[in-house]
Amino acid sequence: MNDATPVLEGRNLTKHFWVKQGRGPFARRVPVNAVDNVSVRLEGGKVTALVGESGAGKTTVGRLLAKIIKPDAGAILVDGRPAPSGRPRSYAATVQMVFQDPFASLNPVHRIRHHIVRPLQIHHLATRDVNSVVAGLLGRVALKPAARFAAKFPHELSGGQRQRVAIARALAVRPRVLIADEPVSMLDVSIRLGILNLLADLRDEERLAILYVTHDIASARYLADTIAVMYAGQLVEVAPSVELTDHPAHPYTQLLLSAAPDPDRAQPPVLAGSGAPPSLLAPPSGCRFHPRCPHAMDVCSRKAPPSITVAPDHIAACWLHVDPSERQASENGAIATGPLEKAESKR
């Protein structure tokens, strides 16, 4: 979004998963189009939120950036240079991931101290004063007194405390990037804010680059500097968080916002548009949102929309923002790539 070199960047990432359909001699393998030409930039001291419904491909993007899974196409860059092949220890130390389920992410047979010490040992960061390091990491995530928490087993902690341990474990190897995959979705509402504030502190004090994966656009606005909206495996809108939530340009973003909790609204929100997200086994042609879009035009079903700059640093992939005279001409021209790569300016 600007000229700063991102700490971590994914360019035109594509990932298909193959599944089996049918039985016996009629069985065949078909691709699930999980992620299609998605580009993401993560800058130091900034939080980028990746927002969308379940099945949009958000978690897959996070796992691609963490190199837990390998992309079918596209590139991953660290400080503007191609990332090493595979997932070497140096890359794992640079990019750490916090998973959604705090109850499954910690081995129940080990005490909390073990979970913090283990990554220190794996990455050869353990020192003679390892107990002080453990205490410092637990204190960093507000688990005090550290000695008491270090001696506990995971089942003795609340969900919020377990998630703080998972974050402390990720911080143990001194990462530069933190990928947080729905880190508060399984926590009580009363303790979600504490985890979000902890992530904000890590951004500001540790200068971490953070990818915050969520389906909750309200929490994305609270935490993130930039919001990227995904639908059916593709990015459809990217903008600074306040700009995007105050002036959503894509109909799907407007639908997400209409469903977000609003304390000033007495009645529950009613979604604009209709239907459900499409199957990624056979995504719709053209704009993937067009079957649900209340503004769909003929061109929407025939051709994928270009990425249009609708305001400074605000990009949306939607035919609504293409002048009618240019709409027809665009059908015969090249389509812009992902919204973080290239965009046509709307004048």
Protein backbone atom coordinates (compact mmCIF):
# COMPACT_ATOMS: atom_id res chain seq x y z
CA MET A 1 0.00 0.00 0.00
CA ASN A 2 3.05 2.30 0.29
CA ASP A 3 6.71 2.35 -0.67
CA ALA A 4 7.94 0.75 2.58
CA THR A 5 9.45 -2.69 2.12
CA PRO A 6 7.24 -5.19 3.94
CA VAL A 7 8.76 -7.61 6.41
CA LEU A 8 6.74 -10.42 4.83
CA GLU A 9 4.90 -10.41 1.52
CA GLY A 10 2.86 -12.94 -0.38
CA ARG A 11 2.49 -12.22 -4.08
CA ASN A 12 -0.24 -13.76 -6.21
CA LEU A 13 -0.59 -16.77 -3.92
CA THR A 14 -2.71 -19.61 -5.26
CA LYS A 15 -3.59 -22.85 -3.53
CA HIS A 16 -5.85 -25.70 -4.65
CA PHE A 17 -6.67 -28.72 -2.54
CA TRP A 18 -7.64 -31.93 -4.34
CA VAL A 19 -10.59 -33.93 -3.08
CA LYS A 20 -12.22 -37.15 -4.24
CA GLN A 21 -15.73 -37.10 -5.67
CA GLY A 22 -17.82 -40.13 -6.47
CA ARG A 23 -17.24 -43.80 -5.73
CA GLY A 24 -15.66 -46.80 -7.38
CA PRO A 25 -14.81 -46.48 -11.08
CA PHE A 26 -16.67 -43.16 -11.27
CA ALA A 27 -14.51 -41.51 -8.61
CA ARG A 28 -12.39 -38.56 -9.68
CA ARG A 29 -10.17 -35.95 -8.07
CA VAL A 30 -11.31 -32.34 -8.34
CA PRO A 31 -9.66 -29.14 -7.11
CA VAL A 32 -10.97 -26.92 -4.33
CA ASN A 33 -10.02 -23.36 -5.32
CA ALA A 34 -9.11 -22.30 -1.78
CA VAL A 35 -6.91 -19.28 -2.61
CA ASP A 36 -6.74 -17.60 -6.00
CA ASN A 37 -4.15 -14.91 -6.81
CA VAL A 38 -4.04 -13.29 -3.34
CA SER A 39 -1.35 -10.74 -2.42
CA VAL A 40 -0.70 -9.60 1.16
CA ARG A 41 1.90 -7.21 2.63
CA LEU A 42 2.84 -7.24 6.31
CA GLU A 43 4.86 -4.29 7.60
CA GLY A 44 6.71 -3.93 10.88
CA GLY A 45 4.67 -2.22 13.57
CA LYS A 46 1.43 -2.71 11.63
CA VAL A 47 -1.56 -5.06 11.92
CA THR A 48 -3.24 -6.26 8.74
CA ALA A 49 -6.61 -7.94 9.23
CA LEU A 50 -7.82 -10.59 6.79
CA VAL A 51 -11.61 -10.65 7.04
CA GLY A 52 -14.28 -12.87 5.51
CA GLU A 53 -16.83 -15.59 6.10
CA SER A 54 -15.90 -19.15 6.99
CA GLY A 55 -14.44 -20.87 3.95
CA ALA A 56 -13.21 -17.65 2.35
CA GLY A 57 -9.60 -18.88 2.37
CA LYS A 58 -8.29 -16.70 5.23
CA THR A 59 -6.68 -19.48 7.25
CA THR A 60 -5.14 -20.96 4.10
CA VAL A 61 -3.46 -17.62 3.35
CA GLY A 62 -2.07 -17.52 6.88
CA ARG A 63 -0.72 -21.07 6.58
CA LEU A 64 0.81 -20.25 3.20
CA LEU A 65 2.62 -17.24 4.66
CA ALA A 66 3.80 -19.36 7.60
CA LYS A 67 4.97 -21.98 5.04
CA ILE A 68 3.02 -24.68 6.83
CA ILE A 69 1.59 -25.52 3.41
CA LYS A 70 3.13 -24.87 0.01
CA PRO A 71 1.48 -22.60 -2.60
CA ASP A 72 0.72 -23.94 -6.05
CA ALA A 73 1.73 -20.58 -7.50
CA GLY A 74 2.97 -17.22 -6.31
CA ALA A 75 5.92 -16.08 -4.22
CA ILE A 76 6.72 -15.32 -0.59
CA LEU A 77 9.27 -12.61 0.16
CA VAL A 78 11.05 -11.60 3.37
CA ASP A 79 12.38 -8.02 3.37
CA GLY A 80 11.79 -7.91 -0.37
CA ARG A 81 13.86 -11.03 -1.09
CA PRO A 82 12.55 -14.52 -1.97
CA ALA A 83 11.99 -16.66 1.11
CA PRO A 84 14.09 -19.82 1.39
CA SER A 85 12.59 -23.01 0.04
CA GLY A 86 10.87 -25.34 2.46
CA ARG A 87 10.44 -24.17 6.05
CA PRO A 88 13.92 -23.93 7.54
CA ARG A 89 14.39 -23.18 11.22
CA SER A 90 15.39 -19.59 10.45
CA TYR A 91 12.08 -18.96 8.67
CA ALA A 92 10.06 -20.60 11.44
CA ALA A 93 11.76 -18.28 13.91
CA THR A 94 10.93 -15.24 11.79
CA VAL A 95 7.28 -16.13 11.20
CA GLN A 96 5.31 -17.57 14.11
CA MET A 97 1.65 -18.60 14.16
CA VAL A 98 -0.94 -18.46 16.94
CA PHE A 99 -3.76 -20.90 16.28
CA GLN A 100 -7.48 -20.54 16.84
CA ASP A 101 -8.07 -23.20 19.47
CA PRO A 102 -6.24 -22.49 22.74
CA PHE A 103 -7.44 -25.83 24.13
CA ALA A 104 -5.82 -27.88 21.35
CA SER A 105 -2.62 -25.87 20.86
CA LEU A 106 -0.99 -26.94 24.15
CA ASN A 107 -0.03 -30.51 25.00
CA PRO A 108 -2.03 -31.37 28.15
CA VAL A 109 0.65 -33.68 29.61
CA HIS A 110 3.25 -30.93 29.98
CA ARG A 111 3.42 -27.98 32.32
CA ILE A 112 3.41 -24.44 30.97
CA ARG A 113 7.14 -24.08 31.57
CA HIS A 114 7.79 -26.92 29.11
CA HIS A 115 5.75 -25.20 26.38
CA ILE A 116 7.88 -22.04 26.71
CA VAL A 117 11.24 -23.78 27.07
CA ARG A 118 10.75 -26.19 24.15
CA PRO A 119 10.98 -23.59 21.33
CA LEU A 120 14.01 -22.07 23.07
CA GLN A 121 15.70 -25.46 22.91
CA ILE A 122 14.69 -26.15 19.31
CA HIS A 123 16.06 -22.80 18.13
CA HIS A 124 19.15 -22.97 20.37
CA LEU A 125 18.11 -19.93 22.38
CA ALA A 126 18.04 -21.59 25.80
CA THR A 127 20.53 -20.16 28.32
CA ARG A 128 21.58 -21.06 31.83
CA ASP A 129 19.15 -18.44 33.05
CA VAL A 130 16.23 -20.05 31.25
CA ASN A 131 13.90 -19.61 34.22
CA SER A 132 14.31 -15.83 33.97
CA VAL A 133 13.54 -16.01 30.24
CA VAL A 134 10.37 -18.00 30.94
CA ALA A 135 9.34 -15.54 33.64
CA GLY A 136 9.93 -12.62 31.29
CA LEU A 137 7.85 -14.16 28.51
CA LEU A 138 4.95 -15.02 30.80
CA GLY A 139 5.10 -11.56 32.32
CA ARG A 140 5.08 -10.07 28.83
CA VAL A 141 1.66 -11.63 28.23
CA ALA A 142 0.37 -10.61 31.68
CA LEU A 143 0.54 -14.03 33.34
CA LYS A 144 1.80 -13.11 36.82
CA PRO A 145 3.19 -14.33 39.10
CA ALA A 146 5.10 -16.15 36.38
CA ALA A 147 6.42 -18.92 38.64
CA ARG A 148 2.88 -19.96 39.58
CA PHE A 149 1.69 -20.09 35.96
CA ALA A 150 4.84 -21.90 34.79
CA ALA A 151 4.10 -24.75 37.18
CA LYS A 152 0.51 -25.26 36.03
CA PHE A 153 -0.85 -27.70 33.46
CA PRO A 154 -2.93 -26.36 30.53
CA HIS A 155 -6.19 -27.74 31.97
CA GLU A 156 -5.69 -25.53 35.03
CA LEU A 157 -5.88 -22.36 32.92
CA SER A 158 -8.80 -20.53 31.35
CA GLY A 159 -9.12 -20.23 27.59
CA GLY A 160 -7.80 -16.67 27.64
CA GLN A 161 -4.82 -17.68 29.76
CA ARG A 162 -4.03 -20.56 27.41
CA GLN A 163 -4.08 -18.20 24.45
CA ARG A 164 -1.66 -15.91 26.29
CA VAL A 165 0.64 -18.91 26.82
CA ALA A 166 0.43 -19.67 23.08
CA ILE A 167 1.44 -16.08 22.33
CA ALA A 168 4.30 -16.25 24.84
CA ARG A 169 5.49 -19.47 23.18
CA ALA A 170 5.47 -17.74 19.80
CA LEU A 171 7.42 -14.77 21.21
CA ALA A 172 10.08 -17.07 22.68
CA VAL A 173 11.95 -17.33 19.35
CA ARG A 174 11.91 -13.54 18.81
CA PRO A 175 9.81 -13.48 15.64
CA ARG A 176 9.34 -10.48 13.39
CA VAL A 177 5.95 -11.66 12.10
CA LEU A 178 3.00 -13.03 14.07
CA ILE A 179 0.11 -14.71 12.24
CA ALA A 180 -2.89 -14.87 14.57
CA ASP A 181 -5.59 -17.16 13.16
CA GLU A 182 -8.93 -16.29 14.78
CA PRO A 183 -7.19 -15.94 18.16
CA VAL A 184 -10.28 -14.75 20.07
CA SER A 185 -13.13 -16.58 18.33
CA MET A 186 -13.25 -19.39 20.92
CA LEU A 187 -12.95 -17.10 23.94
CA ASP A 188 -15.63 -15.52 26.09
CA VAL A 189 -16.63 -12.05 24.99
CA SER A 190 -15.45 -10.65 28.33
CA ILE A 191 -11.83 -11.66 27.73
CA ARG A 192 -11.48 -11.08 23.98
CA LEU A 193 -10.58 -7.43 24.43
CA GLY A 194 -7.62 -8.36 26.61
CA ILE A 195 -6.11 -10.53 23.86
CA LEU A 196 -6.70 -7.84 21.22
CA ASN A 197 -5.02 -5.26 23.45
CA LEU A 198 -2.08 -7.61 23.95
CA LEU A 199 -1.66 -7.93 20.17
CA ALA A 200 -1.84 -4.14 19.86
CA ASP A 201 0.89 -3.79 22.49
CA LEU A 202 3.10 -6.25 20.60
CA ARG A 203 2.63 -4.22 17.43
CA ASP A 204 3.52 -0.96 19.13
CA GLU A 205 6.25 -2.08 21.52
CA GLU A 206 7.87 -5.01 19.71
CA ARG A 207 7.28 -3.56 16.21
CA LEU A 208 5.88 -6.91 15.10
CA ALA A 209 4.19 -7.31 11.74
CA ILE A 210 0.88 -9.01 12.54
CA LEU A 211 -1.66 -10.74 10.32
CA TYR A 212 -4.95 -10.93 12.20
CA VAL A 213 -7.28 -13.49 10.60
CA THR A 214 -10.91 -13.04 11.61
CA HIS A 215 -14.53 -13.21 10.49
CA ASP A 216 -15.37 -10.27 12.80
CA ILE A 217 -14.98 -6.99 10.97
CA ALA A 218 -15.74 -5.03 14.15
CA SER A 219 -12.70 -6.44 15.96
CA ALA A 220 -10.65 -5.91 12.78
CA ARG A 221 -11.49 -2.20 12.86
CA TYR A 222 -10.54 -2.03 16.55
CA LEU A 223 -7.14 -3.69 16.12
CA ALA A 224 -5.94 -3.41 12.54
CA ASP A 225 -4.25 -0.64 10.60
CA THR A 226 -5.35 -2.16 7.29
CA ILE A 227 -8.24 -4.49 6.47
CA ALA A 228 -8.21 -6.88 3.50
CA VAL A 229 -11.57 -8.53 2.72
CA MET A 230 -11.66 -12.02 1.20
CA TYR A 231 -14.55 -13.72 -0.55
CA ALA A 232 -14.52 -17.23 -2.03
CA GLY A 233 -10.73 -17.41 -2.19
CA GLN A 234 -10.11 -13.93 -3.59
CA LEU A 235 -9.40 -10.46 -2.23
CA VAL A 236 -12.23 -8.06 -3.02
CA GLU A 237 -11.31 -4.91 -1.06
CA VAL A 238 -8.30 -3.47 0.79
CA ALA A 239 -8.09 -0.17 2.67
CA PRO A 240 -7.05 1.45 5.95
CA SER A 241 -9.40 0.06 8.59
CA VAL A 242 -11.35 3.24 9.38
CA GLU A 243 -11.65 4.15 5.70
CA LEU A 244 -12.91 0.70 4.78
CA THR A 245 -15.50 0.47 7.55
CA ASP A 246 -16.71 4.05 7.10
CA HIS A 247 -16.77 3.95 3.29
CA PRO A 248 -17.05 0.33 2.11
CA ALA A 249 -16.78 0.16 -1.67
CA HIS A 250 -17.51 -3.50 -2.38
CA PRO A 251 -21.04 -4.90 -1.89
CA TYR A 252 -19.63 -7.87 0.03
CA THR A 253 -17.88 -5.57 2.51
CA GLN A 254 -21.16 -3.71 2.91
CA LEU A 255 -22.86 -7.05 3.64
CA LEU A 256 -20.27 -7.88 6.31
CA LEU A 257 -20.74 -4.51 7.95
CA SER A 258 -24.52 -4.87 7.90
CA ALA A 259 -24.09 -8.05 9.94
CA ALA A 260 -21.65 -6.54 12.46
CA PRO A 261 -22.99 -5.85 15.97
CA ASP A 262 -24.07 -2.24 16.48
CA PRO A 263 -25.03 -1.09 20.01
CA ASP A 264 -27.02 1.80 18.53
CA ARG A 265 -29.21 -0.56 16.50
CA ALA A 266 -32.24 -1.98 18.34
CA GLN A 267 -33.08 -4.67 15.80
CA PRO A 268 -30.71 -7.40 14.59
CA PRO A 269 -29.12 -6.60 11.21
CA VAL A 270 -30.62 -7.85 7.97
CA LEU A 271 -28.14 -8.97 5.33
CA ALA A 272 -28.28 -7.22 1.98
CA GLY A 273 -28.09 -9.74 -0.84
CA SER A 274 -29.13 -13.37 -0.69
CA GLY A 275 -27.83 -16.91 -0.77
CA ALA A 276 -24.69 -18.47 0.67
CA PRO A 277 -21.01 -18.44 -0.31
CA PRO A 278 -20.36 -20.55 -3.42
CA SER A 279 -18.73 -23.94 -3.47
CA LEU A 280 -15.02 -23.60 -4.18
CA LEU A 281 -15.21 -26.84 -6.13
CA ALA A 282 -16.95 -24.88 -8.89
CA PRO A 283 -16.79 -21.13 -8.17
CA PRO A 284 -18.99 -18.83 -10.26
CA SER A 285 -17.57 -17.29 -13.42
CA GLY A 286 -16.82 -13.58 -13.48
CA CYS A 287 -17.17 -11.93 -10.09
CA ARG A 288 -17.58 -14.70 -7.53
CA PHE A 289 -19.95 -12.54 -5.49
CA HIS A 290 -22.37 -11.81 -8.32
CA PRO A 291 -24.93 -14.55 -7.43
CA ARG A 292 -25.50 -12.83 -4.06
CA CYS A 293 -24.94 -9.22 -5.09
CA PRO A 294 -27.96 -6.86 -5.13
CA HIS A 295 -26.14 -4.69 -7.72
CA ALA A 296 -25.11 -7.46 -10.14
CA MET A 297 -24.94 -6.55 -13.84
CA ASP A 298 -24.56 -8.76 -16.90
CA VAL A 299 -20.80 -8.15 -17.05
CA CYS A 300 -20.42 -9.41 -13.48
CA SER A 301 -21.22 -12.98 -14.49
CA ARG A 302 -19.05 -12.90 -17.60
CA LYS A 303 -15.76 -11.34 -16.55
CA ALA A 304 -13.79 -10.89 -13.34
CA PRO A 305 -13.70 -7.24 -12.27
CA PRO A 306 -10.47 -5.24 -12.32
CA SER A 307 -9.02 -3.77 -9.15
CA ILE A 308 -9.96 -0.08 -8.93
CA THR A 309 -8.48 2.61 -6.68
CA VAL A 310 -11.59 4.28 -5.27
CA ALA A 311 -9.74 6.52 -2.76
CA PRO A 312 -6.15 6.90 -1.57
CA ASP A 313 -4.89 3.46 -0.46
CA HIS A 314 -8.42 2.08 -0.97
CA ILE A 315 -8.84 -0.61 -3.62
CA ALA A 316 -11.92 -2.60 -4.59
CA ALA A 317 -12.44 -5.27 -7.24
CA CYS A 318 -15.93 -4.41 -8.43
CA TRP A 319 -17.56 -3.40 -11.74
CA LEU A 320 -19.60 -0.74 -9.93
CA HIS A 321 -16.51 1.46 -9.87
CA VAL A 322 -15.79 1.19 -13.59
CA ASP A 323 -17.31 3.88 -15.82
CA PRO A 324 -20.05 2.43 -18.06
CA SER A 325 -18.16 3.45 -21.20
CA GLU A 326 -15.05 1.70 -19.94
CA ARG A 327 -16.93 -1.36 -18.75
CA GLN A 328 -17.48 -2.61 -22.29
CA ALA A 329 -13.90 -1.84 -23.31
CA SER A 330 -12.60 -3.73 -20.29
CA GLU A 331 -14.22 -6.93 -21.49
CA ASN A 332 -11.66 -7.01 -24.32
CA GLY A 333 -8.66 -5.86 -22.25
CA ALA A 334 -6.41 -7.26 -19.57
CA ILE A 335 -7.69 -7.72 -16.07
CA ALA A 336 -5.70 -6.14 -13.25
CA THR A 337 -4.03 -8.56 -10.87
CA GLY A 338 -4.70 -8.81 -7.12
CA PRO A 339 -5.62 -5.61 -5.28
CA LEU A 340 -2.25 -5.33 -3.55
CA GLU A 341 -0.37 -5.62 -6.82
CA LYS A 342 -1.86 -3.39 -9.49
CA ALA A 343 -4.97 -1.30 -9.80
CA GLU A 344 -6.63 1.01 -12.27
CA SER A 345 -7.29 4.44 -10.82
CA LYS A 346 -10.84 5.68 -10.71
CA ARG A 347 -10.91 9.27 -11.91
